[in-house]
Amino acid sequence: MIVVTGATGNVGGPLTRTLAEAGEQVTAVSRSAAPVPDGVRHLAADLAEPAGLEPALAGAKALFLLLSGDLHGPGTGPAELIARAGAAGVRRVVLLSTQGVATRPFGATRVAMRALEDVVRESGMEWAILRPGGFASNALWWAGSIRAQRVVAAPFGDVGVPVIDPMDIAEVAAACLREDRHVGGVYELTGPEVITPRRQVQAIADALGSPLRFQDLTRDQAKAAMTHSMPAELAEDTLDILGAPSEAELRVSPVVQDVLGRPARPFADWATRNVGAFR
């Protein structure tokens, strides 16, 4: 049995479906009740309270660990989740980390995530670590203003990074959970090309068949909006990358091709698949 945390989100949802379709027994963990595929067991648990995960871990062979934004900050203590998984007999853990651990190692949230990576490495379990860059699904932040006003307000409109489709992250995670050849792997994940926010908005407009207007935000305006859903430290770290990506953060990774045997999906594919969110 494989336990998937964050199982109703942009990565956990498709991962749960991918594993179930492959014939795996899956326990989907999320903070609140949510629909899951047929045959998948659901457990409501908050990872901020590690003891709540124990019913899911009993009898599990593998764990996919995805932390919500509020657990990325320093002092949140998710290392206990790893200890409880090991004590329950879980043999393999796949951690969703972040590219910034390598490219921005001194940001507060990056330091905390690197410490968690080290806990995973030293846990005695088999492990793999995924380090994605920016997510294509972050464009969902724009859904409300697109539906209401046909406008997108965002910072750094002409600064791009190679954002990755969460479906690709999910399929790489499934391979790491199921295939021994990925044990000990640290995988940087990106999309197939650098794409700016302005070009992302055009891709959404193309999917909608309707023009959209782009409105530039200042960094401070963007931070104020982002801190409604994530710690201020994580917002700062994210804006550092979005505003001035390093050479390493602009590099397109071959990992999706190497692991899955096909190219990473472009942003336009994500926009077409998720166009209903913007109507």
C-alpha atoms as a PDB file:
ATOM      1  CA  MET A   1       0.000   0.000   0.000  1.00  0.00           C
ATOM      2  CA  ILE A   2       1.240   3.503  -0.859  1.00  0.00           C
ATOM      3  CA  VAL A   3       0.346   6.571   1.195  1.00  0.00           C
ATOM      4  CA  VAL A   4      -0.009   9.874  -0.677  1.00  0.00           C
ATOM      5  CA  THR A   5      -0.106  13.065   1.376  1.00  0.00           C
ATOM      6  CA  GLY A   6      -1.545  16.226  -0.118  1.00  0.00           C
ATOM      7  CA  ALA A   7      -3.630  13.774  -2.086  1.00  0.00           C
ATOM      8  CA  THR A   8      -6.287  16.186  -3.330  1.00  0.00           C
ATOM      9  CA  GLY A   9      -3.886  18.866  -4.600  1.00  0.00           C
ATOM     10  CA  ASN A  10      -2.293  19.653  -7.935  1.00  0.00           C
ATOM     11  CA  VAL A  11       0.392  16.970  -7.552  1.00  0.00           C
ATOM     12  CA  GLY A  12      -1.194  14.560  -5.066  1.00  0.00           C
ATOM     13  CA  GLY A  13      -4.445  14.276  -7.008  1.00  0.00           C
ATOM     14  CA  PRO A  14      -2.917  13.067 -10.280  1.00  0.00           C
ATOM     15  CA  LEU A  15      -0.414  10.932  -8.362  1.00  0.00           C
ATOM     16  CA  THR A  16      -3.242   9.160  -6.544  1.00  0.00           C
ATOM     17  CA  ARG A  17      -5.015   8.501  -9.855  1.00  0.00           C
ATOM     18  CA  THR A  18      -1.825   7.314 -11.551  1.00  0.00           C
ATOM     19  CA  LEU A  19      -1.059   4.830  -8.778  1.00  0.00           C
ATOM     20  CA  ALA A  20      -4.638   3.556  -8.602  1.00  0.00           C
ATOM     21  CA  GLU A  21      -4.755   3.059 -12.371  1.00  0.00           C
ATOM     22  CA  ALA A  22      -1.512   1.082 -12.094  1.00  0.00           C
ATOM     23  CA  GLY A  23      -3.212  -1.317  -9.686  1.00  0.00           C
ATOM     24  CA  GLU A  24      -1.609  -0.083  -6.478  1.00  0.00           C
ATOM     25  CA  GLN A  25      -3.480   0.059  -3.174  1.00  0.00           C
ATOM     26  CA  VAL A  26      -3.492   3.712  -2.176  1.00  0.00           C
ATOM     27  CA  THR A  27      -4.356   5.658   0.956  1.00  0.00           C
ATOM     28  CA  ALA A  28      -5.013   9.305   0.115  1.00  0.00           C
ATOM     29  CA  VAL A  29      -4.340  11.766   2.941  1.00  0.00           C
ATOM     30  CA  SER A  30      -5.624  15.334   3.000  1.00  0.00           C
ATOM     31  CA  ARG A  31      -6.760  17.813   5.618  1.00  0.00           C
ATOM     32  CA  SER A  32     -10.414  17.452   4.800  1.00  0.00           C
ATOM     33  CA  ALA A  33     -12.693  14.962   3.111  1.00  0.00           C
ATOM     34  CA  ALA A  34     -12.562  14.947  -0.674  1.00  0.00           C
ATOM     35  CA  PRO A  35     -13.531  12.642  -3.535  1.00  0.00           C
ATOM     36  CA  VAL A  36     -10.907  10.059  -4.493  1.00  0.00           C
ATOM     37  CA  PRO A  37     -10.776   7.412  -7.251  1.00  0.00           C
ATOM     38  CA  ASP A  38     -12.700   4.180  -6.779  1.00  0.00           C
ATOM     39  CA  GLY A  39     -10.799   1.741  -4.601  1.00  0.00           C
ATOM     40  CA  VAL A  40      -8.704   4.422  -2.883  1.00  0.00           C
ATOM     41  CA  ARG A  41      -8.997   4.800   0.884  1.00  0.00           C
ATOM     42  CA  HIS A  42      -9.147   8.376   2.197  1.00  0.00           C
ATOM     43  CA  LEU A  43      -7.892   9.619   5.564  1.00  0.00           C
ATOM     44  CA  ALA A  44      -8.424  13.160   6.819  1.00  0.00           C
ATOM     45  CA  ALA A  45      -5.302  14.238   8.698  1.00  0.00           C
ATOM     46  CA  ASP A  46      -3.325  17.423   9.273  1.00  0.00           C
ATOM     47  CA  LEU A  47       0.432  16.899   8.855  1.00  0.00           C
ATOM     48  CA  ALA A  48       1.001  19.597  11.448  1.00  0.00           C
ATOM     49  CA  GLU A  49      -0.171  16.890  13.889  1.00  0.00           C
ATOM     50  CA  PRO A  50       2.056  13.920  12.907  1.00  0.00           C
ATOM     51  CA  ALA A  51       0.230  11.447  15.139  1.00  0.00           C
ATOM     52  CA  GLY A  52      -2.795  11.798  12.871  1.00  0.00           C
ATOM     53  CA  LEU A  53      -0.877  10.143  10.038  1.00  0.00           C
ATOM     54  CA  GLU A  54      -0.289   6.888  11.938  1.00  0.00           C
ATOM     55  CA  PRO A  55      -3.539   5.144  10.863  1.00  0.00           C
ATOM     56  CA  ALA A  56      -2.512   5.626   7.235  1.00  0.00           C
ATOM     57  CA  LEU A  57       1.028   4.343   7.784  1.00  0.00           C
ATOM     58  CA  ALA A  58       0.028   0.978   9.229  1.00  0.00           C
ATOM     59  CA  GLY A  59       0.884  -1.647   6.623  1.00  0.00           C
ATOM     60  CA  ALA A  60       2.193   0.902   4.101  1.00  0.00           C
ATOM     61  CA  LYS A  61       5.206   0.086   1.937  1.00  0.00           C
ATOM     62  CA  ALA A  62       5.831   3.595   0.627  1.00  0.00           C
ATOM     63  CA  LEU A  63       5.048   7.231   1.444  1.00  0.00           C
ATOM     64  CA  PHE A  64       4.854  10.279  -0.783  1.00  0.00           C
ATOM     65  CA  LEU A  65       5.467  13.315   1.414  1.00  0.00           C
ATOM     66  CA  LEU A  66       4.155  16.659   0.197  1.00  0.00           C
ATOM     67  CA  LEU A  67       4.068  19.542   2.665  1.00  0.00           C
ATOM     68  CA  SER A  68       1.529  22.346   2.439  1.00  0.00           C
ATOM     69  CA  GLY A  69       2.865  25.897   2.301  1.00  0.00           C
ATOM     70  CA  ASP A  70       2.433  26.523   6.016  1.00  0.00           C
ATOM     71  CA  LEU A  71       4.747  23.580   6.805  1.00  0.00           C
ATOM     72  CA  HIS A  72       7.640  24.861   4.685  1.00  0.00           C
ATOM     73  CA  GLY A  73       8.791  27.466   7.151  1.00  0.00           C
ATOM     74  CA  PRO A  74      11.492  27.037   9.787  1.00  0.00           C
ATOM     75  CA  GLY A  75      10.396  25.569  13.095  1.00  0.00           C
ATOM     76  CA  THR A  76       7.411  23.600  11.787  1.00  0.00           C
ATOM     77  CA  GLY A  77       8.937  20.196  12.638  1.00  0.00           C
ATOM     78  CA  PRO A  78       7.872  17.890   9.776  1.00  0.00           C
ATOM     79  CA  ALA A  79      10.853  15.619  10.515  1.00  0.00           C
ATOM     80  CA  GLU A  80       8.622  13.755  12.973  1.00  0.00           C
ATOM     81  CA  LEU A  81       6.573  12.534  10.007  1.00  0.00           C
ATOM     82  CA  ILE A  82       9.650  10.740   8.666  1.00  0.00           C
ATOM     83  CA  ALA A  83      10.390   9.186  12.046  1.00  0.00           C
ATOM     84  CA  ARG A  84       6.825   7.888  12.387  1.00  0.00           C
ATOM     85  CA  ALA A  85       6.922   6.426   8.878  1.00  0.00           C
ATOM     86  CA  GLY A  86      10.127   4.548   9.658  1.00  0.00           C
ATOM     87  CA  ALA A  87       8.742   3.302  12.966  1.00  0.00           C
ATOM     88  CA  ALA A  88       5.624   2.036  11.173  1.00  0.00           C
ATOM     89  CA  GLY A  89       7.722  -0.091   8.825  1.00  0.00           C
ATOM     90  CA  VAL A  90       7.428   2.041   5.700  1.00  0.00           C
ATOM     91  CA  ARG A  91      10.223   0.952   3.353  1.00  0.00           C
ATOM     92  CA  ARG A  92      10.397   3.876   0.927  1.00  0.00           C
ATOM     93  CA  VAL A  93       9.750   7.611   1.077  1.00  0.00           C
ATOM     94  CA  VAL A  94       9.598  10.041  -1.826  1.00  0.00           C
ATOM     95  CA  LEU A  95       9.885  13.669  -0.727  1.00  0.00           C
ATOM     96  CA  LEU A  96       8.603  16.592  -2.781  1.00  0.00           C
ATOM     97  CA  SER A  97      11.300  19.180  -2.136  1.00  0.00           C
ATOM     98  CA  THR A  98      12.133  22.254  -4.219  1.00  0.00           C
ATOM     99  CA  GLN A  99      14.704  23.309  -6.781  1.00  0.00           C
ATOM    100  CA  GLY A 100      15.647  26.213  -4.543  1.00  0.00           C
ATOM    101  CA  VAL A 101      17.379  23.840  -2.101  1.00  0.00           C
ATOM    102  CA  ALA A 102      20.209  23.711  -4.636  1.00  0.00           C
ATOM    103  CA  THR A 103      19.873  27.083  -6.361  1.00  0.00           C
ATOM    104  CA  ARG A 104      19.039  29.288  -3.337  1.00  0.00           C
ATOM    105  CA  PRO A 105      20.360  27.281  -0.380  1.00  0.00           C
ATOM    106  CA  PHE A 106      20.369  30.155   2.111  1.00  0.00           C
ATOM    107  CA  GLY A 107      16.707  31.212   1.948  1.00  0.00           C
ATOM    108  CA  ALA A 108      14.895  30.464   5.200  1.00  0.00           C
ATOM    109  CA  THR A 109      12.453  27.993   3.687  1.00  0.00           C
ATOM    110  CA  ARG A 110      15.227  26.362   1.644  1.00  0.00           C
ATOM    111  CA  VAL A 111      17.324  25.781   4.757  1.00  0.00           C
ATOM    112  CA  ALA A 112      14.351  24.093   6.413  1.00  0.00           C
ATOM    113  CA  MET A 113      13.665  21.901   3.377  1.00  0.00           C
ATOM    114  CA  ARG A 114      17.316  20.895   3.038  1.00  0.00           C
ATOM    115  CA  ALA A 115      17.268  19.827   6.683  1.00  0.00           C
ATOM    116  CA  LEU A 116      14.227  17.658   5.924  1.00  0.00           C
ATOM    117  CA  GLU A 117      16.007  16.164   2.906  1.00  0.00           C
ATOM    118  CA  ASP A 118      18.855  15.211   5.240  1.00  0.00           C
ATOM    119  CA  VAL A 119      16.404  13.559   7.624  1.00  0.00           C
ATOM    120  CA  VAL A 120      15.037  11.513   4.716  1.00  0.00           C
ATOM    121  CA  ARG A 121      18.547  10.457   3.640  1.00  0.00           C
ATOM    122  CA  GLU A 122      19.430   9.367   7.167  1.00  0.00           C
ATOM    123  CA  SER A 123      16.106   7.668   7.922  1.00  0.00           C
ATOM    124  CA  GLY A 124      17.198   4.131   7.061  1.00  0.00           C
ATOM    125  CA  MET A 125      14.396   3.898   4.496  1.00  0.00           C
ATOM    126  CA  GLU A 126      14.841   3.807   0.736  1.00  0.00           C
ATOM    127  CA  TRP A 127      14.320   7.302  -0.595  1.00  0.00           C
ATOM    128  CA  ALA A 128      14.085   9.588  -3.591  1.00  0.00           C
ATOM    129  CA  ILE A 129      13.881  13.382  -3.618  1.00  0.00           C
ATOM    130  CA  LEU A 130      12.079  15.481  -6.236  1.00  0.00           C
ATOM    131  CA  ARG A 131      13.108  19.107  -6.696  1.00  0.00           C
ATOM    132  CA  PRO A 132      10.682  20.828  -9.082  1.00  0.00           C
ATOM    133  CA  GLY A 133      10.966  24.439 -10.137  1.00  0.00           C
ATOM    134  CA  GLY A 134       7.901  26.628 -10.661  1.00  0.00           C
ATOM    135  CA  PHE A 135       4.542  24.892 -11.161  1.00  0.00           C
ATOM    136  CA  ALA A 136       2.328  25.528 -14.172  1.00  0.00           C
ATOM    137  CA  SER A 137      -0.610  25.273 -11.766  1.00  0.00           C
ATOM    138  CA  ASN A 138       0.473  28.477 -10.013  1.00  0.00           C
ATOM    139  CA  ALA A 139      -1.451  30.122 -12.847  1.00  0.00           C
ATOM    140  CA  LEU A 140      -4.607  29.088 -10.976  1.00  0.00           C
ATOM    141  CA  TRP A 141      -3.941  32.098  -8.735  1.00  0.00           C
ATOM    142  CA  TRP A 142      -5.230  34.128 -11.689  1.00  0.00           C
ATOM    143  CA  ALA A 143      -8.448  32.195 -12.177  1.00  0.00           C
ATOM    144  CA  GLY A 144     -10.716  34.523 -10.184  1.00  0.00           C
ATOM    145  CA  SER A 145      -9.629  37.708 -11.932  1.00  0.00           C
ATOM    146  CA  ILE A 146      -9.779  36.012 -15.331  1.00  0.00           C
ATOM    147  CA  ARG A 147     -13.331  34.824 -14.731  1.00  0.00           C
ATOM    148  CA  ALA A 148     -14.466  38.165 -13.340  1.00  0.00           C
ATOM    149  CA  GLN A 149     -12.532  40.744 -15.347  1.00  0.00           C
ATOM    150  CA  ARG A 150     -10.549  38.949 -18.081  1.00  0.00           C
ATOM    151  CA  VAL A 151      -7.383  40.365 -16.508  1.00  0.00           C
ATOM    152  CA  VAL A 152      -4.246  38.908 -14.897  1.00  0.00           C
ATOM    153  CA  ALA A 153      -2.229  40.919 -12.377  1.00  0.00           C
ATOM    154  CA  ALA A 154       1.256  39.528 -11.754  1.00  0.00           C
ATOM    155  CA  PRO A 155       4.853  40.667 -11.197  1.00  0.00           C
ATOM    156  CA  PHE A 156       7.804  40.229 -13.552  1.00  0.00           C
ATOM    157  CA  GLY A 157       5.673  39.786 -16.652  1.00  0.00           C
ATOM    158  CA  ASP A 158       8.606  39.372 -19.017  1.00  0.00           C
ATOM    159  CA  VAL A 159      10.856  37.234 -16.797  1.00  0.00           C
ATOM    160  CA  GLY A 160      10.448  33.534 -17.478  1.00  0.00           C
ATOM    161  CA  VAL A 161      11.331  30.182 -15.923  1.00  0.00           C
ATOM    162  CA  PRO A 162      10.719  26.630 -17.217  1.00  0.00           C
ATOM    163  CA  VAL A 163       7.545  25.873 -15.236  1.00  0.00           C
ATOM    164  CA  ILE A 164       6.540  22.230 -14.921  1.00  0.00           C
ATOM    165  CA  ASP A 165       3.143  20.594 -15.296  1.00  0.00           C
ATOM    166  CA  PRO A 166       2.164  18.985 -11.956  1.00  0.00           C
ATOM    167  CA  MET A 167       1.032  15.934 -13.928  1.00  0.00           C
ATOM    168  CA  ASP A 168       4.659  15.365 -14.888  1.00  0.00           C
ATOM    169  CA  ILE A 169       5.738  15.671 -11.246  1.00  0.00           C
ATOM    170  CA  ALA A 170       3.062  13.137 -10.305  1.00  0.00           C
ATOM    171  CA  GLU A 171       4.142  10.626 -12.935  1.00  0.00           C
ATOM    172  CA  VAL A 172       7.810  10.926 -11.930  1.00  0.00           C
ATOM    173  CA  ALA A 173       6.774  10.479  -8.289  1.00  0.00           C
ATOM    174  CA  ALA A 174       4.811   7.344  -9.199  1.00  0.00           C
ATOM    175  CA  ALA A 175       7.884   5.906 -10.909  1.00  0.00           C
ATOM    176  CA  CYS A 176      10.020   6.667  -7.846  1.00  0.00           C
ATOM    177  CA  LEU A 177       7.495   5.036  -5.533  1.00  0.00           C
ATOM    178  CA  ARG A 178       7.180   1.883  -7.660  1.00  0.00           C
ATOM    179  CA  GLU A 179      10.578   1.337  -9.338  1.00  0.00           C
ATOM    180  CA  ASP A 180      13.762   0.349  -7.509  1.00  0.00           C
ATOM    181  CA  ARG A 181      16.008   2.043 -10.069  1.00  0.00           C
ATOM    182  CA  HIS A 182      15.120   5.455  -8.653  1.00  0.00           C
ATOM    183  CA  VAL A 183      16.183   4.732  -5.063  1.00  0.00           C
ATOM    184  CA  GLY A 184      18.712   7.349  -3.967  1.00  0.00           C
ATOM    185  CA  GLY A 185      17.805   9.674  -6.832  1.00  0.00           C
ATOM    186  CA  VAL A 186      17.657  13.450  -6.451  1.00  0.00           C
ATOM    187  CA  TYR A 187      15.686  14.704  -9.430  1.00  0.00           C
ATOM    188  CA  GLU A 188      15.430  18.315 -10.581  1.00  0.00           C
ATOM    189  CA  LEU A 189      12.194  18.746 -12.538  1.00  0.00           C
ATOM    190  CA  THR A 190      11.319  21.472 -15.027  1.00  0.00           C
ATOM    191  CA  GLY A 191       9.106  21.992 -18.011  1.00  0.00           C
ATOM    192  CA  PRO A 192      10.422  21.892 -21.591  1.00  0.00           C
ATOM    193  CA  GLU A 193      10.994  25.635 -22.095  1.00  0.00           C
ATOM    194  CA  VAL A 194      11.373  28.971 -20.361  1.00  0.00           C
ATOM    195  CA  ILE A 195       8.027  30.787 -20.434  1.00  0.00           C
ATOM    196  CA  THR A 196       7.163  34.237 -19.073  1.00  0.00           C
ATOM    197  CA  PRO A 197       3.962  35.103 -17.184  1.00  0.00           C
ATOM    198  CA  ARG A 198       2.861  37.197 -20.154  1.00  0.00           C
ATOM    199  CA  ARG A 199       3.218  34.181 -22.475  1.00  0.00           C
ATOM    200  CA  GLN A 200       1.413  31.975 -19.969  1.00  0.00           C
ATOM    201  CA  VAL A 201      -1.500  34.397 -20.025  1.00  0.00           C
ATOM    202  CA  GLN A 202      -1.522  34.260 -23.834  1.00  0.00           C
ATOM    203  CA  ALA A 203      -1.634  30.446 -23.683  1.00  0.00           C
ATOM    204  CA  ILE A 204      -4.641  30.627 -21.344  1.00  0.00           C
ATOM    205  CA  ALA A 205      -6.300  33.160 -23.666  1.00  0.00           C
ATOM    206  CA  ASP A 206      -5.717  30.817 -26.599  1.00  0.00           C
ATOM    207  CA  ALA A 207      -7.286  27.947 -24.681  1.00  0.00           C
ATOM    208  CA  LEU A 208     -10.273  30.124 -23.796  1.00  0.00           C
ATOM    209  CA  GLY A 209     -10.598  31.580 -27.271  1.00  0.00           C
ATOM    210  CA  SER A 210     -10.903  34.982 -25.594  1.00  0.00           C
ATOM    211  CA  PRO A 211      -8.388  37.837 -25.142  1.00  0.00           C
ATOM    212  CA  LEU A 212      -6.962  38.599 -21.719  1.00  0.00           C
ATOM    213  CA  ARG A 213      -5.240  41.712 -20.378  1.00  0.00           C
ATOM    214  CA  PHE A 214      -1.961  41.567 -18.408  1.00  0.00           C
ATOM    215  CA  GLN A 215      -1.463  44.035 -15.541  1.00  0.00           C
ATOM    216  CA  ASP A 216       1.991  44.380 -13.980  1.00  0.00           C
ATOM    217  CA  LEU A 217       2.265  44.201 -10.194  1.00  0.00           C
ATOM    218  CA  THR A 218       5.145  45.490  -8.108  1.00  0.00           C
ATOM    219  CA  ARG A 219       7.045  43.007  -5.970  1.00  0.00           C
ATOM    220  CA  ASP A 220       5.452  44.429  -2.810  1.00  0.00           C
ATOM    221  CA  GLN A 221       1.964  44.107  -4.251  1.00  0.00           C
ATOM    222  CA  ALA A 222       2.656  40.514  -5.241  1.00  0.00           C
ATOM    223  CA  LYS A 223       4.052  39.643  -1.818  1.00  0.00           C
ATOM    224  CA  ALA A 224       0.983  41.078  -0.102  1.00  0.00           C
ATOM    225  CA  ALA A 225      -1.253  38.850  -2.220  1.00  0.00           C
ATOM    226  CA  MET A 226       0.889  35.733  -1.786  1.00  0.00           C
ATOM    227  CA  THR A 227       1.097  35.933   1.998  1.00  0.00           C
ATOM    228  CA  HIS A 228      -2.613  35.193   2.208  1.00  0.00           C
ATOM    229  CA  SER A 229      -1.780  31.580   1.331  1.00  0.00           C
ATOM    230  CA  MET A 230       1.858  31.021   2.352  1.00  0.00           C
ATOM    231  CA  PRO A 231       4.411  32.136   4.960  1.00  0.00           C
ATOM    232  CA  ALA A 232       6.108  35.473   4.241  1.00  0.00           C
ATOM    233  CA  GLU A 233       9.489  33.733   4.058  1.00  0.00           C
ATOM    234  CA  LEU A 234       8.248  31.409   1.301  1.00  0.00           C
ATOM    235  CA  ALA A 235       6.721  34.339  -0.594  1.00  0.00           C
ATOM    236  CA  GLU A 236      10.055  36.199  -0.439  1.00  0.00           C
ATOM    237  CA  ASP A 237      12.012  33.175  -1.611  1.00  0.00           C
ATOM    238  CA  THR A 238       9.573  32.577  -4.471  1.00  0.00           C
ATOM    239  CA  LEU A 239       9.670  36.199  -5.615  1.00  0.00           C
ATOM    240  CA  ASP A 240      13.470  36.169  -5.569  1.00  0.00           C
ATOM    241  CA  ILE A 241      13.404  33.372  -8.146  1.00  0.00           C
ATOM    242  CA  LEU A 242      10.569  34.802 -10.252  1.00  0.00           C
ATOM    243  CA  GLY A 243      12.176  38.236 -10.425  1.00  0.00           C
ATOM    244  CA  ALA A 244      15.776  37.262 -11.076  1.00  0.00           C
ATOM    245  CA  PRO A 245      16.191  33.572 -11.919  1.00  0.00           C
ATOM    246  CA  SER A 246      19.752  32.300 -11.887  1.00  0.00           C
ATOM    247  CA  GLU A 247      21.372  30.436 -14.746  1.00  0.00           C
ATOM    248  CA  ALA A 248      20.614  27.172 -12.919  1.00  0.00           C
ATOM    249  CA  GLU A 249      16.945  28.136 -12.533  1.00  0.00           C
ATOM    250  CA  LEU A 250      16.676  28.858 -16.265  1.00  0.00           C
ATOM    251  CA  ARG A 251      18.155  25.505 -17.243  1.00  0.00           C
ATOM    252  CA  VAL A 252      15.744  22.960 -18.738  1.00  0.00           C
ATOM    253  CA  SER A 253      16.135  19.599 -16.991  1.00  0.00           C
ATOM    254  CA  PRO A 254      16.069  16.293 -18.945  1.00  0.00           C
ATOM    255  CA  VAL A 255      14.691  14.304 -15.984  1.00  0.00           C
ATOM    256  CA  VAL A 256      11.085  13.955 -17.172  1.00  0.00           C
ATOM    257  CA  GLN A 257      12.342  12.561 -20.487  1.00  0.00           C
ATOM    258  CA  ASP A 258      14.846  10.290 -18.728  1.00  0.00           C
ATOM    259  CA  VAL A 259      12.364   8.865 -16.216  1.00  0.00           C
ATOM    260  CA  LEU A 260       9.192   8.710 -18.306  1.00  0.00           C
ATOM    261  CA  GLY A 261      10.600   8.242 -21.790  1.00  0.00           C
ATOM    262  CA  ARG A 262       8.763  11.261 -23.189  1.00  0.00           C
ATOM    263  CA  PRO A 263       9.245  15.051 -23.161  1.00  0.00           C
ATOM    264  CA  ALA A 264       7.861  17.217 -20.396  1.00  0.00           C
ATOM    265  CA  ARG A 265       4.456  18.708 -21.198  1.00  0.00           C
ATOM    266  CA  PRO A 266       4.460  22.373 -22.333  1.00  0.00           C
ATOM    267  CA  PHE A 267       2.464  25.008 -20.461  1.00  0.00           C
ATOM    268  CA  ALA A 268      -0.073  25.194 -23.289  1.00  0.00           C
ATOM    269  CA  ASP A 269      -1.041  21.576 -22.610  1.00  0.00           C
ATOM    270  CA  TRP A 270      -1.672  22.394 -18.968  1.00  0.00           C
ATOM    271  CA  ALA A 271      -3.736  25.452 -19.933  1.00  0.00           C
ATOM    272  CA  THR A 272      -5.891  23.452 -22.339  1.00  0.00           C
ATOM    273  CA  ARG A 273      -6.468  20.673 -19.804  1.00  0.00           C
ATOM    274  CA  ASN A 274      -7.426  23.150 -17.064  1.00  0.00           C
ATOM    275  CA  VAL A 275      -9.281  25.752 -19.125  1.00  0.00           C
ATOM    276  CA  GLY A 276     -12.495  25.125 -17.170  1.00  0.00           C
ATOM    277  CA  ALA A 277     -10.972  26.840 -14.126  1.00  0.00           C
ATOM    278  CA  PHE A 278     -10.764  30.111 -16.076  1.00  0.00           C
ATOM    279  CA  ARG A 279     -14.222  30.159 -17.684  1.00  0.00           C
END
